[in-house]
Amino acid sequence: MNPAILEGAALVFSVKTLLIMCGGVFLGVTFGAIPGLTSSIGIAIMLPITFYLEPIPALSLLCAVYVGGAYGGSIA
């Protein structure tokens, strides 16, 4: 297998990144469940926080907020 793929998987599935993703999903569901807030607004709110993170955890956080917001928007 290509060593670059293994290195990328190790970066994405590190403990720090997985914890950031879990927090992002929780925040995304919270943003999506509140009327008037969407996943786009959640990403806009979380964007300044990503300036202090490394690239992989930052993009993982934004993706997790988006997915959590899409799920949270389905909560009536």
Protein backbone atom coordinates (compact mmCIF):
# COMPACT_ATOMS: atom_id res chain seq x y z
CA MET A 1 0.00 0.00 0.00
CA ASN A 2 1.12 3.54 -0.66
CA PRO A 3 2.93 5.01 2.39
CA ALA A 4 1.35 8.42 1.77
CA ILE A 5 -2.12 6.92 2.27
CA LEU A 6 -1.05 5.33 5.55
CA GLU A 7 0.49 8.60 6.73
CA GLY A 8 -2.68 10.52 5.84
CA ALA A 9 -4.86 7.98 7.65
CA ALA A 10 -2.62 8.27 10.71
CA LEU A 11 -3.10 12.05 10.69
CA VAL A 12 -6.87 11.88 10.31
CA PHE A 13 -7.42 9.11 12.85
CA SER A 14 -5.21 10.54 15.59
CA VAL A 15 -6.78 10.99 19.02
CA LYS A 16 -6.60 14.80 18.84
CA THR A 17 -8.36 14.94 15.47
CA LEU A 18 -11.06 12.47 16.50
CA LEU A 19 -11.81 14.46 19.67
CA ILE A 20 -12.02 17.67 17.67
CA MET A 21 -14.38 15.98 15.24
CA CYS A 22 -16.62 14.73 18.06
CA GLY A 23 -16.80 18.24 19.50
CA GLY A 24 -17.53 19.64 16.04
CA VAL A 25 -20.40 17.23 15.50
CA PHE A 26 -21.86 18.15 18.89
CA LEU A 27 -21.61 21.87 18.14
CA GLY A 28 -23.01 21.33 14.65
CA VAL A 29 -26.04 19.47 15.98
CA THR A 30 -26.54 22.28 18.49
CA PHE A 31 -26.32 24.96 15.79
CA GLY A 32 -28.61 23.01 13.46
CA ALA A 33 -31.25 22.33 16.11
CA ILE A 34 -31.62 26.00 17.05
CA PRO A 35 -34.15 27.69 14.75
CA GLY A 36 -32.51 30.29 12.54
CA LEU A 37 -29.02 28.83 12.79
CA THR A 38 -27.74 26.61 10.00
CA SER A 39 -24.60 24.65 9.33
CA SER A 40 -23.27 27.57 7.26
CA ILE A 41 -23.59 29.91 10.22
CA GLY A 42 -21.97 27.27 12.42
CA ILE A 43 -19.00 27.09 10.07
CA ALA A 44 -18.74 30.88 10.03
CA ILE A 45 -18.73 30.99 13.83
CA MET A 46 -16.12 28.23 14.12
CA LEU A 47 -13.83 29.62 11.40
CA PRO A 48 -11.79 31.94 13.67
CA ILE A 49 -11.03 29.00 15.98
CA THR A 50 -9.41 27.13 13.10
CA PHE A 51 -6.71 29.79 12.75
CA TYR A 52 -5.04 28.37 15.87
CA LEU A 53 -5.22 24.72 14.77
CA GLU A 54 -3.11 22.68 12.41
CA PRO A 55 -4.61 22.17 8.92
CA ILE A 56 -5.90 18.60 9.31
CA PRO A 57 -7.76 19.16 12.62
CA ALA A 58 -9.05 22.53 11.38
CA LEU A 59 -10.61 21.08 8.23
CA SER A 60 -11.92 18.12 10.21
CA LEU A 61 -13.60 20.51 12.64
CA LEU A 62 -15.30 22.45 9.85
CA CYS A 63 -16.47 19.27 8.14
CA ALA A 64 -17.81 17.90 11.42
CA VAL A 65 -19.71 21.13 12.14
CA TYR A 66 -21.24 21.01 8.67
CA VAL A 67 -22.33 17.37 8.96
CA GLY A 68 -23.63 17.89 12.50
CA GLY A 69 -25.53 20.98 11.37
CA ALA A 70 -27.14 19.07 8.51
CA TYR A 71 -28.29 16.43 10.99
CA GLY A 72 -29.35 19.00 13.57
CA GLY A 73 -31.48 20.77 10.99
CA SER A 74 -33.64 17.67 10.70
CA ILE A 75 -34.57 17.82 14.39
CA ALA A 76 -38.05 19.29 14.68
